[in-house]
PDB file of N, CA and C in Angstrom:
ATOM      1  N   MET A   1      42.624  45.117   8.550  1.00  0.00           N
ATOM      2  CA  MET A   1      42.778  46.536   8.757  1.00  0.00           C
ATOM      3  C   MET A   1      42.986  46.877  10.222  1.00  0.00           C
ATOM      4  N   ARG A   2      42.527  45.986  11.064  1.00  0.00           N
ATOM      5  CA  ARG A   2      42.645  46.273  12.494  1.00  0.00           C
ATOM      6  C   ARG A   2      44.087  46.283  12.970  1.00  0.00           C
ATOM      7  N   LEU A   3      44.971  45.654  12.220  1.00  0.00           N
ATOM      8  CA  LEU A   3      46.380  45.644  12.588  1.00  0.00           C
ATOM      9  C   LEU A   3      46.974  47.051  12.542  1.00  0.00           C
ATOM     10  N   ALA A   4      46.428  47.909  11.701  1.00  0.00           N
ATOM     11  CA  ALA A   4      46.918  49.285  11.582  1.00  0.00           C
ATOM     12  C   ALA A   4      46.583  50.122  12.812  1.00  0.00           C
ATOM     13  N   ILE A   5      45.728  49.615  13.671  1.00  0.00           N
ATOM     14  CA  ILE A   5      45.364  50.355  14.878  1.00  0.00           C
ATOM     15  C   ILE A   5      46.578  50.502  15.798  1.00  0.00           C
ATOM     16  N   ILE A   6      47.426  49.492  15.837  1.00  0.00           N
ATOM     17  CA  ILE A   6      48.575  49.509  16.759  1.00  0.00           C
ATOM     18  C   ILE A   6      49.513  50.689  16.470  1.00  0.00           C
ATOM     19  N   PRO A   7      49.985  50.876  15.227  1.00  0.00           N
ATOM     20  CA  PRO A   7      50.851  52.040  15.001  1.00  0.00           C
ATOM     21  C   PRO A   7      50.111  53.370  15.109  1.00  0.00           C
ATOM     22  N   LEU A   8      48.807  53.376  14.841  1.00  0.00           N
ATOM     23  CA  LEU A   8      48.053  54.618  15.012  1.00  0.00           C
ATOM     24  C   LEU A   8      48.019  55.029  16.478  1.00  0.00           C
ATOM     25  N   ILE A   9      47.765  54.080  17.351  1.00  0.00           N
ATOM     26  CA  ILE A   9      47.745  54.388  18.783  1.00  0.00           C
ATOM     27  C   ILE A   9      49.153  54.759  19.255  1.00  0.00           C
ATOM     28  N   ALA A  10      50.170  54.063  18.742  1.00  0.00           N
ATOM     29  CA  ALA A  10      51.550  54.405  19.092  1.00  0.00           C
ATOM     30  C   ALA A  10      51.869  55.842  18.679  1.00  0.00           C
ATOM     31  N   SER A  11      51.434  56.226  17.490  1.00  0.00           N
ATOM     32  CA  SER A  11      51.664  57.586  17.018  1.00  0.00           C
ATOM     33  C   SER A  11      50.924  58.600  17.897  1.00  0.00           C
ATOM     34  N   ALA A  12      49.697  58.277  18.275  1.00  0.00           N
ATOM     35  CA  ALA A  12      48.937  59.184  19.141  1.00  0.00           C
ATOM     36  C   ALA A  12      49.648  59.367  20.478  1.00  0.00           C
ATOM     37  N   ILE A  13      50.147  58.287  21.039  1.00  0.00           N
ATOM     38  CA  ILE A  13      50.862  58.369  22.318  1.00  0.00           C
ATOM     39  C   ILE A  13      52.150  59.179  22.159  1.00  0.00           C
ATOM     40  N   LEU A  14      52.875  58.965  21.064  1.00  0.00           N
ATOM     41  CA  LEU A  14      54.102  59.728  20.833  1.00  0.00           C
ATOM     42  C   LEU A  14      53.810  61.218  20.662  1.00  0.00           C
ATOM     43  N   HIS A  15      52.684  61.551  20.026  1.00  0.00           N
ATOM     44  CA  HIS A  15      52.298  62.960  19.907  1.00  0.00           C
ATOM     45  C   HIS A  15      52.046  63.568  21.289  1.00  0.00           C
ATOM     46  N   LEU A  16      51.373  62.820  22.152  1.00  0.00           N
ATOM     47  CA  LEU A  16      51.114  63.317  23.504  1.00  0.00           C
ATOM     48  C   LEU A  16      52.416  63.478  24.296  1.00  0.00           C
ATOM     49  N   ILE A  17      53.330  62.527  24.138  1.00  0.00           N
ATOM     50  CA  ILE A  17      54.631  62.638  24.809  1.00  0.00           C
ATOM     51  C   ILE A  17      55.384  63.866  24.293  1.00  0.00           C
ATOM     52  N   GLY A  18      55.312  64.102  22.991  1.00  0.00           N
ATOM     53  CA  GLY A  18      55.952  65.284  22.411  1.00  0.00           C
ATOM     54  C   GLY A  18      55.382  66.572  22.967  1.00  0.00           C
ATOM     55  N   PHE A  19      54.080  66.610  23.151  1.00  0.00           N
ATOM     56  CA  PHE A  19      53.432  67.786  23.737  1.00  0.00           C
ATOM     57  C   PHE A  19      53.947  68.013  25.157  1.00  0.00           C
ATOM     58  N   ALA A  20      54.074  66.932  25.924  1.00  0.00           N
ATOM     59  CA  ALA A  20      54.565  67.046  27.301  1.00  0.00           C
ATOM     60  C   ALA A  20      56.045  67.456  27.327  1.00  0.00           C
ATOM     61  N   LEU A  21      56.858  66.860  26.444  1.00  0.00           N
ATOM     62  CA  LEU A  21      58.283  67.189  26.419  1.00  0.00           C
ATOM     63  C   LEU A  21      58.549  68.613  25.949  1.00  0.00           C
ATOM     64  N   ALA A  22      57.649  69.148  25.145  1.00  0.00           N
ATOM     65  CA  ALA A  22      57.808  70.523  24.669  1.00  0.00           C
ATOM     66  C   ALA A  22      57.447  71.523  25.764  1.00  0.00           C
ATOM     67  N   GLY A  23      56.928  71.038  26.871  1.00  0.00           N
ATOM     68  CA  GLY A  23      56.624  71.917  27.994  1.00  0.00           C
ATOM     69  C   GLY A  23      55.224  72.498  27.970  1.00  0.00           C
ATOM     70  N   PHE A  24      54.313  71.866  27.262  1.00  0.00           N
ATOM     71  CA  PHE A  24      52.914  72.294  27.213  1.00  0.00           C
ATOM     72  C   PHE A  24      52.769  73.741  26.712  1.00  0.00           C
ATOM     73  N   VAL A  25      53.681  74.161  25.854  1.00  0.00           N
ATOM     74  CA  VAL A  25      53.629  75.524  25.322  1.00  0.00           C
ATOM     75  C   VAL A  25      52.637  75.602  24.172  1.00  0.00           C
ATOM     76  N   SER A  26      52.209  76.817  23.862  1.00  0.00           N
ATOM     77  CA  SER A  26      51.182  76.987  22.836  1.00  0.00           C
ATOM     78  C   SER A  26      51.654  76.530  21.459  1.00  0.00           C
ATOM     79  N   SER A  27      52.957  76.630  21.178  1.00  0.00           N
ATOM     80  CA  SER A  27      53.449  76.202  19.862  1.00  0.00           C
ATOM     81  C   SER A  27      53.375  74.694  19.685  1.00  0.00           C
ATOM     82  N   SER A  28      53.275  73.954  20.777  1.00  0.00           N
ATOM     83  CA  SER A  28      53.190  72.494  20.664  1.00  0.00           C
ATOM     84  C   SER A  28      51.748  71.994  20.671  1.00  0.00           C
ATOM     85  N   LEU A  29      50.788  72.898  20.692  1.00  0.00           N
ATOM     86  CA  LEU A  29      49.388  72.476  20.631  1.00  0.00           C
ATOM     87  C   LEU A  29      49.085  71.724  19.338  1.00  0.00           C
ATOM     88  N   PHE A  30      49.895  71.966  18.307  1.00  0.00           N
ATOM     89  CA  PHE A  30      49.727  71.264  17.039  1.00  0.00           C
ATOM     90  C   PHE A  30      49.800  69.754  17.231  1.00  0.00           C
ATOM     91  N   LEU A  31      50.551  69.310  18.220  1.00  0.00           N
ATOM     92  CA  LEU A  31      50.709  67.874  18.450  1.00  0.00           C
ATOM     93  C   LEU A  31      49.452  67.215  19.013  1.00  0.00           C
ATOM     94  N   LEU A  32      48.565  67.996  19.593  1.00  0.00           N
ATOM     95  CA  LEU A  32      47.347  67.418  20.170  1.00  0.00           C
ATOM     96  C   LEU A  32      46.333  67.012  19.101  1.00  0.00           C
ATOM     97  N   PHE A  33      46.294  67.742  17.990  1.00  0.00           N
ATOM     98  CA  PHE A  33      45.321  67.414  16.942  1.00  0.00           C
ATOM     99  C   PHE A  33      45.553  66.024  16.359  1.00  0.00           C
ATOM    100  N   PRO A  34      46.789  65.668  15.938  1.00  0.00           N
ATOM    101  CA  PRO A  34      46.978  64.317  15.418  1.00  0.00           C
ATOM    102  C   PRO A  34      46.720  63.235  16.468  1.00  0.00           C
ATOM    103  N   ALA A  35      47.053  63.530  17.718  1.00  0.00           N
ATOM    104  CA  ALA A  35      46.806  62.543  18.777  1.00  0.00           C
ATOM    105  C   ALA A  35      45.318  62.250  18.886  1.00  0.00           C
ATOM    106  N   ALA A  36      44.511  63.294  18.861  1.00  0.00           N
ATOM    107  CA  ALA A  36      43.058  63.106  18.937  1.00  0.00           C
ATOM    108  C   ALA A  36      42.530  62.453  17.663  1.00  0.00           C
ATOM    109  N   LEU A  37      43.014  62.903  16.506  1.00  0.00           N
ATOM    110  CA  LEU A  37      42.551  62.350  15.228  1.00  0.00           C
ATOM    111  C   LEU A  37      42.872  60.866  15.130  1.00  0.00           C
ATOM    112  N   TYR A  38      44.100  60.476  15.455  1.00  0.00           N
ATOM    113  CA  TYR A  38      44.481  59.071  15.354  1.00  0.00           C
ATOM    114  C   TYR A  38      43.737  58.210  16.364  1.00  0.00           C
ATOM    115  N   SER A  39      43.408  58.766  17.509  1.00  0.00           N
ATOM    116  CA  SER A  39      42.624  58.008  18.498  1.00  0.00           C
ATOM    117  C   SER A  39      41.224  57.729  17.965  1.00  0.00           C
ATOM    118  N   VAL A  40      40.599  58.751  17.393  1.00  0.00           N
ATOM    119  CA  VAL A  40      39.255  58.576  16.828  1.00  0.00           C
ATOM    120  C   VAL A  40      39.297  57.630  15.631  1.00  0.00           C
ATOM    121  N   LEU A  41      40.306  57.761  14.790  1.00  0.00           N
ATOM    122  CA  LEU A  41      40.425  56.887  13.622  1.00  0.00           C
ATOM    123  C   LEU A  41      40.654  55.438  14.042  1.00  0.00           C
ATOM    124  N   SER A  42      41.377  55.235  15.133  1.00  0.00           N
ATOM    125  CA  SER A  42      41.590  53.871  15.630  1.00  0.00           C
ATOM    126  C   SER A  42      40.274  53.227  16.035  1.00  0.00           C
ATOM    127  N   VAL A  43      39.425  53.998  16.677  1.00  0.00           N
ATOM    128  CA  VAL A  43      38.102  53.482  17.059  1.00  0.00           C
ATOM    129  C   VAL A  43      37.288  53.160  15.800  1.00  0.00           C
ATOM    130  N   GLY A  44      37.370  54.036  14.798  1.00  0.00           N
ATOM    131  CA  GLY A  44      36.653  53.783  13.545  1.00  0.00           C
ATOM    132  C   GLY A  44      37.135  52.525  12.843  1.00  0.00           C
ATOM    133  N   LEU A  45      38.442  52.329  12.817  1.00  0.00           N
ATOM    134  CA  LEU A  45      38.977  51.113  12.202  1.00  0.00           C
ATOM    135  C   LEU A  45      38.581  49.880  12.992  1.00  0.00           C
ATOM    136  N   TRP A  46      38.560  50.009  14.305  1.00  0.00           N
ATOM    137  CA  TRP A  46      38.161  48.884  15.151  1.00  0.00           C
ATOM    138  C   TRP A  46      36.728  48.461  14.842  1.00  0.00           C
ATOM    139  N   ARG A  47      35.897  49.447  14.542  1.00  0.00           N
ATOM    140  CA  ARG A  47      34.482  49.166  14.237  1.00  0.00           C
ATOM    141  C   ARG A  47      34.268  48.775  12.779  1.00  0.00           C
ATOM    142  N   GLY A  48      35.332  48.752  11.989  1.00  0.00           N
ATOM    143  CA  GLY A  48      35.235  48.288  10.610  1.00  0.00           C
ATOM    144  C   GLY A  48      34.829  49.348   9.606  1.00  0.00           C
ATOM    145  N   MET A  49      34.965  50.605   9.953  1.00  0.00           N
ATOM    146  CA  MET A  49      34.621  51.686   9.026  1.00  0.00           C
ATOM    147  C   MET A  49      35.795  51.911   8.073  1.00  0.00           C
ATOM    148  N   THR A  50      35.696  51.365   6.883  1.00  0.00           N
ATOM    149  CA  THR A  50      36.831  51.421   5.962  1.00  0.00           C
ATOM    150  C   THR A  50      37.079  52.813   5.390  1.00  0.00           C
ATOM    151  N   TRP A  51      36.080  53.677   5.372  1.00  0.00           N
ATOM    152  CA  TRP A  51      36.282  55.034   4.872  1.00  0.00           C
ATOM    153  C   TRP A  51      37.263  55.807   5.742  1.00  0.00           C
ATOM    154  N   VAL A  52      37.456  55.333   6.964  1.00  0.00           N
ATOM    155  CA  VAL A  52      38.382  55.982   7.887  1.00  0.00           C
ATOM    156  C   VAL A  52      39.801  55.950   7.333  1.00  0.00           C
ATOM    157  N   THR A  53      40.119  54.953   6.520  1.00  0.00           N
ATOM    158  CA  THR A  53      41.477  54.852   5.981  1.00  0.00           C
ATOM    159  C   THR A  53      41.832  56.064   5.130  1.00  0.00           C
ATOM    160  N   LEU A  54      40.870  56.567   4.365  1.00  0.00           N
ATOM    161  CA  LEU A  54      41.130  57.746   3.536  1.00  0.00           C
ATOM    162  C   LEU A  54      41.442  58.954   4.409  1.00  0.00           C
ATOM    163  N   VAL A  55      40.648  59.166   5.445  1.00  0.00           N
ATOM    164  CA  VAL A  55      40.879  60.292   6.348  1.00  0.00           C
ATOM    165  C   VAL A  55      42.241  60.157   7.023  1.00  0.00           C
ATOM    166  N   CYS A  56      42.558  58.948   7.415  1.00  0.00           N
ATOM    167  CA  CYS A  56      43.831  58.689   8.092  1.00  0.00           C
ATOM    168  C   CYS A  56      45.008  58.971   7.169  1.00  0.00           C
ATOM    169  N   MET A  57      44.926  58.510   5.949  1.00  0.00           N
ATOM    170  CA  MET A  57      46.019  58.698   4.999  1.00  0.00           C
ATOM    171  C   MET A  57      46.217  60.178   4.675  1.00  0.00           C
ATOM    172  N   VAL A  58      45.134  60.891   4.425  1.00  0.00           N
ATOM    173  CA  VAL A  58      45.240  62.315   4.098  1.00  0.00           C
ATOM    174  C   VAL A  58      45.790  63.088   5.300  1.00  0.00           C
ATOM    175  N   GLY A  59      45.244  62.814   6.483  1.00  0.00           N
ATOM    176  CA  GLY A  59      45.719  63.491   7.685  1.00  0.00           C
ATOM    177  C   GLY A  59      47.183  63.208   7.976  1.00  0.00           C
ATOM    178  N   GLY A  60      47.586  61.957   7.791  1.00  0.00           N
ATOM    179  CA  GLY A  60      48.983  61.595   8.015  1.00  0.00           C
ATOM    180  C   GLY A  60      49.918  62.283   7.039  1.00  0.00           C
ATOM    181  N   CYS A  61      49.518  62.374   5.781  1.00  0.00           N
ATOM    182  CA  CYS A  61      50.358  63.043   4.775  1.00  0.00           C
ATOM    183  C   CYS A  61      50.512  64.531   5.089  1.00  0.00           C
ATOM    184  N   ILE A  62      49.411  65.181   5.430  1.00  0.00           N
ATOM    185  CA  ILE A  62      49.462  66.610   5.758  1.00  0.00           C
ATOM    186  C   ILE A  62      50.328  66.835   6.994  1.00  0.00           C
ATOM    187  N   GLY A  63      50.140  65.999   8.010  1.00  0.00           N
ATOM    188  CA  GLY A  63      50.929  66.142   9.230  1.00  0.00           C
ATOM    189  C   GLY A  63      52.411  65.936   9.004  1.00  0.00           C
ATOM    190  N   THR A  64      52.759  64.972   8.166  1.00  0.00           N
ATOM    191  CA  THR A  64      54.169  64.701   7.882  1.00  0.00           C
ATOM    192  C   THR A  64      54.804  65.886   7.152  1.00  0.00           C
ATOM    193  N   VAL A  65      54.081  66.461   6.214  1.00  0.00           N
ATOM    194  CA  VAL A  65      54.605  67.630   5.501  1.00  0.00           C
ATOM    195  C   VAL A  65      54.822  68.780   6.473  1.00  0.00           C
ATOM    196  N   ILE A  66      53.876  68.996   7.371  1.00  0.00           N
ATOM    197  CA  ILE A  66      54.017  70.075   8.350  1.00  0.00           C
ATOM    198  C   ILE A  66      55.196  69.806   9.275  1.00  0.00           C
ATOM    199  N   GLU A  67      55.367  68.559   9.687  1.00  0.00           N
ATOM    200  CA  GLU A  67      56.493  68.239  10.565  1.00  0.00           C
ATOM    201  C   GLU A  67      57.832  68.455   9.879  1.00  0.00           C
ATOM    202  N   PHE A  68      57.906  68.175   8.575  1.00  0.00           N
ATOM    203  CA  PHE A  68      59.165  68.357   7.852  1.00  0.00           C
ATOM    204  C   PHE A  68      59.454  69.821   7.528  1.00  0.00           C
ATOM    205  N   THR A  69      58.428  70.618   7.262  1.00  0.00           N
ATOM    206  CA  THR A  69      58.642  71.992   6.819  1.00  0.00           C
ATOM    207  C   THR A  69      58.674  72.999   7.955  1.00  0.00           C
ATOM    208  N   GLY A  70      58.026  72.694   9.055  1.00  0.00           N
ATOM    209  CA  GLY A  70      57.968  73.640  10.162  1.00  0.00           C
ATOM    210  C   GLY A  70      59.132  73.471  11.116  1.00  0.00           C
ATOM    211  N   PRO A  71      59.160  74.337  12.123  1.00  0.00           N
ATOM    212  CA  PRO A  71      60.212  74.180  13.146  1.00  0.00           C
ATOM    213  C   PRO A  71      59.944  72.925  13.976  1.00  0.00           C
ATOM    214  N   LEU A  72      61.008  72.336  14.489  1.00  0.00           N
ATOM    215  CA  LEU A  72      60.858  71.132  15.300  1.00  0.00           C
ATOM    216  C   LEU A  72      60.172  71.491  16.613  1.00  0.00           C
ATOM    217  N   ILE A  73      59.010  70.916  16.839  1.00  0.00           N
ATOM    218  CA  ILE A  73      58.242  71.207  18.038  1.00  0.00           C
ATOM    219  C   ILE A  73      58.691  70.291  19.173  1.00  0.00           C
ATOM    220  N   ALA A  74      58.926  69.056  18.850  1.00  0.00           N
ATOM    221  CA  ALA A  74      59.330  68.055  19.833  1.00  0.00           C
ATOM    222  C   ALA A  74      60.767  67.627  19.519  1.00  0.00           C
ATOM    223  N   PRO A  75      61.404  66.891  20.420  1.00  0.00           N
ATOM    224  CA  PRO A  75      62.758  66.398  20.130  1.00  0.00           C
ATOM    225  C   PRO A  75      62.793  65.556  18.858  1.00  0.00           C
ATOM    226  N   ALA A  76      63.897  65.672  18.128  1.00  0.00           N
ATOM    227  CA  ALA A  76      64.034  64.986  16.839  1.00  0.00           C
ATOM    228  C   ALA A  76      63.829  63.471  16.924  1.00  0.00           C
ATOM    229  N   PRO A  77      64.378  62.771  17.926  1.00  0.00           N
ATOM    230  CA  PRO A  77      64.142  61.317  17.984  1.00  0.00           C
ATOM    231  C   PRO A  77      62.651  60.974  18.128  1.00  0.00           C
ATOM    232  N   LEU A  78      61.926  61.806  18.844  1.00  0.00           N
ATOM    233  CA  LEU A  78      60.493  61.570  19.000  1.00  0.00           C
ATOM    234  C   LEU A  78      59.767  61.786  17.672  1.00  0.00           C
ATOM    235  N   LEU A  79      60.165  62.816  16.931  1.00  0.00           N
ATOM    236  CA  LEU A  79      59.546  63.054  15.622  1.00  0.00           C
ATOM    237  C   LEU A  79      59.852  61.918  14.658  1.00  0.00           C
ATOM    238  N   VAL A  80      61.048  61.367  14.738  1.00  0.00           N
ATOM    239  CA  VAL A  80      61.389  60.210  13.901  1.00  0.00           C
ATOM    240  C   VAL A  80      60.484  59.033  14.265  1.00  0.00           C
ATOM    241  N   GLY A  81      60.258  58.819  15.554  1.00  0.00           N
ATOM    242  CA  GLY A  81      59.351  57.759  15.996  1.00  0.00           C
ATOM    243  C   GLY A  81      57.939  57.970  15.499  1.00  0.00           C
ATOM    244  N   ILE A  82      57.475  59.213  15.541  1.00  0.00           N
ATOM    245  CA  ILE A  82      56.126  59.530  15.050  1.00  0.00           C
ATOM    246  C   ILE A  82      56.028  59.229  13.564  1.00  0.00           C
ATOM    247  N   ILE A  83      57.015  59.678  12.811  1.00  0.00           N
ATOM    248  CA  ILE A  83      56.991  59.463  11.362  1.00  0.00           C
ATOM    249  C   ILE A  83      57.066  57.976  11.032  1.00  0.00           C
ATOM    250  N   LEU A  84      57.892  57.237  11.757  1.00  0.00           N
ATOM    251  CA  LEU A  84      57.966  55.790  11.515  1.00  0.00           C
ATOM    252  C   LEU A  84      56.646  55.099  11.838  1.00  0.00           C
ATOM    253  N   ALA A  85      56.001  55.469  12.937  1.00  0.00           N
ATOM    254  CA  ALA A  85      54.700  54.890  13.281  1.00  0.00           C
ATOM    255  C   ALA A  85      53.670  55.228  12.207  1.00  0.00           C
ATOM    256  N   ASP A  86      53.708  56.461  11.701  1.00  0.00           N
ATOM    257  CA  ASP A  86      52.783  56.857  10.636  1.00  0.00           C
ATOM    258  C   ASP A  86      53.028  56.062   9.357  1.00  0.00           C
ATOM    259  N   LEU A  87      54.304  55.849   9.029  1.00  0.00           N
ATOM    260  CA  LEU A  87      54.622  55.073   7.824  1.00  0.00           C
ATOM    261  C   LEU A  87      54.176  53.619   7.950  1.00  0.00           C
ATOM    262  N   VAL A  88      54.355  53.043   9.119  1.00  0.00           N
ATOM    263  CA  VAL A  88      53.901  51.662   9.334  1.00  0.00           C
ATOM    264  C   VAL A  88      52.386  51.592   9.215  1.00  0.00           C
ATOM    265  N   ALA A  89      51.694  52.548   9.808  1.00  0.00           N
ATOM    266  CA  ALA A  89      50.225  52.576   9.706  1.00  0.00           C
ATOM    267  C   ALA A  89      49.795  52.715   8.245  1.00  0.00           C
ATOM    268  N   ALA A  90      50.452  53.613   7.512  1.00  0.00           N
ATOM    269  CA  ALA A  90      50.107  53.795   6.102  1.00  0.00           C
ATOM    270  C   ALA A  90      50.353  52.518   5.309  1.00  0.00           C
ATOM    271  N   GLY A  91      51.484  51.866   5.550  1.00  0.00           N
ATOM    272  CA  GLY A  91      51.780  50.624   4.844  1.00  0.00           C
ATOM    273  C   GLY A  91      50.754  49.538   5.130  1.00  0.00           C
ATOM    274  N   LEU A  92      50.362  49.410   6.394  1.00  0.00           N
ATOM    275  CA  LEU A  92      49.360  48.398   6.750  1.00  0.00           C
ATOM    276  C   LEU A  92      47.996  48.715   6.147  1.00  0.00           C
ATOM    277  N   LEU A  93      47.647  50.001   6.099  1.00  0.00           N
ATOM    278  CA  LEU A  93      46.358  50.379   5.506  1.00  0.00           C
ATOM    279  C   LEU A  93      46.357  50.140   4.003  1.00  0.00           C
ATOM    280  N   ILE A  94      47.448  50.472   3.338  1.00  0.00           N
ATOM    281  CA  ILE A  94      47.542  50.223   1.890  1.00  0.00           C
ATOM    282  C   ILE A  94      47.468  48.725   1.619  1.00  0.00           C
ATOM    283  N   ARG A  95      48.161  47.951   2.415  1.00  0.00           N
ATOM    284  CA  ARG A  95      48.131  46.487   2.258  1.00  0.00           C
ATOM    285  C   ARG A  95      46.717  45.942   2.427  1.00  0.00           C
ATOM    286  N   ALA A  96      46.017  46.428   3.442  1.00  0.00           N
ATOM    287  CA  ALA A  96      44.652  45.956   3.680  1.00  0.00           C
ATOM    288  C   ALA A  96      43.718  46.360   2.551  1.00  0.00           C
ATOM    289  N   LEU A  97      43.861  47.594   2.068  1.00  0.00           N
ATOM    290  CA  LEU A  97      43.022  48.028   0.950  1.00  0.00           C
ATOM    291  C   LEU A  97      43.341  47.247  -0.314  1.00  0.00           C
ATOM    292  N   TRP A  98      44.609  46.966  -0.549  1.00  0.00           N
ATOM    293  CA  TRP A  98      45.028  46.204  -1.724  1.00  0.00           C
ATOM    294  C   TRP A  98      44.425  44.803  -1.685  1.00  0.00           C
ATOM    295  N   ARG A  99      44.494  44.178  -0.517  1.00  0.00           N
ATOM    296  CA  ARG A  99      43.944  42.823  -0.383  1.00  0.00           C
ATOM    297  C   ARG A  99      42.431  42.821  -0.554  1.00  0.00           C
ATOM    298  N   SER A 100      41.747  43.801   0.015  1.00  0.00           N
ATOM    299  CA  SER A 100      40.292  43.829  -0.120  1.00  0.00           C
ATOM    300  C   SER A 100      39.896  44.066  -1.569  1.00  0.00           C
ATOM    301  N   GLN A 101      40.673  44.846  -2.298  1.00  0.00           N
ATOM    302  CA  GLN A 101      40.399  45.094  -3.719  1.00  0.00           C
ATOM    303  C   GLN A 101      40.607  43.823  -4.531  1.00  0.00           C
ATOM    304  N   ARG A 102      41.647  43.064  -4.218  1.00  0.00           N
ATOM    305  CA  ARG A 102      41.901  41.806  -4.935  1.00  0.00           C
ATOM    306  C   ARG A 102      40.792  40.789  -4.666  1.00  0.00           C
ATOM    307  N   ILE A 103      40.296  40.752  -3.456  1.00  0.00           N
ATOM    308  CA  ILE A 103      39.211  39.827  -3.123  1.00  0.00           C
ATOM    309  C   ILE A 103      37.944  40.234  -3.864  1.00  0.00           C
ATOM    310  N   THR A 104      37.663  41.531  -3.928  1.00  0.00           N
ATOM    311  CA  THR A 104      36.478  42.011  -4.634  1.00  0.00           C
ATOM    312  C   THR A 104      36.572  41.699  -6.121  1.00  0.00           C
ATOM    313  N   ASN A 105      37.752  41.882  -6.709  1.00  0.00           N
ATOM    314  CA  ASN A 105      37.925  41.610  -8.133  1.00  0.00           C
ATOM    315  C   ASN A 105      37.852  40.109  -8.447  1.00  0.00           C
ATOM    316  N   ALA A 106      38.232  39.279  -7.504  1.00  0.00           N
ATOM    317  CA  ALA A 106      38.206  37.842  -7.726  1.00  0.00           C
ATOM    318  C   ALA A 106      36.774  37.290  -7.759  1.00  0.00           C
ATOM    319  N   ARG A 107      35.876  37.984  -7.135  1.00  0.00           N
ATOM    320  CA  ARG A 107      34.475  37.533  -7.111  1.00  0.00           C
ATOM    321  C   ARG A 107      33.816  37.877  -8.372  1.00  0.00           C
TER     322      ARG A 107
END
């Protein structure tokens, strides 16, 4: 599960870059919440708190929907990078949960 920390941190950094590129305006404050959330979730995953995966997945899904339905806050290439980092993190978390479930069932 710790492998998912890398795209989470990448996504957090991209959110911060998006906030800076948007000119630190109030409409881009939305980008700070996922950056902070993913940073905290990365620490939780590092410490082995598996419940963090649920929070991460739900938060990522909500954020992606907001990014697709709302006005573009940051440049489009940056948003594509954020979404790709989120998808990689989600894939790695699903893979880790799937493997842990198979190990539990095998016992």
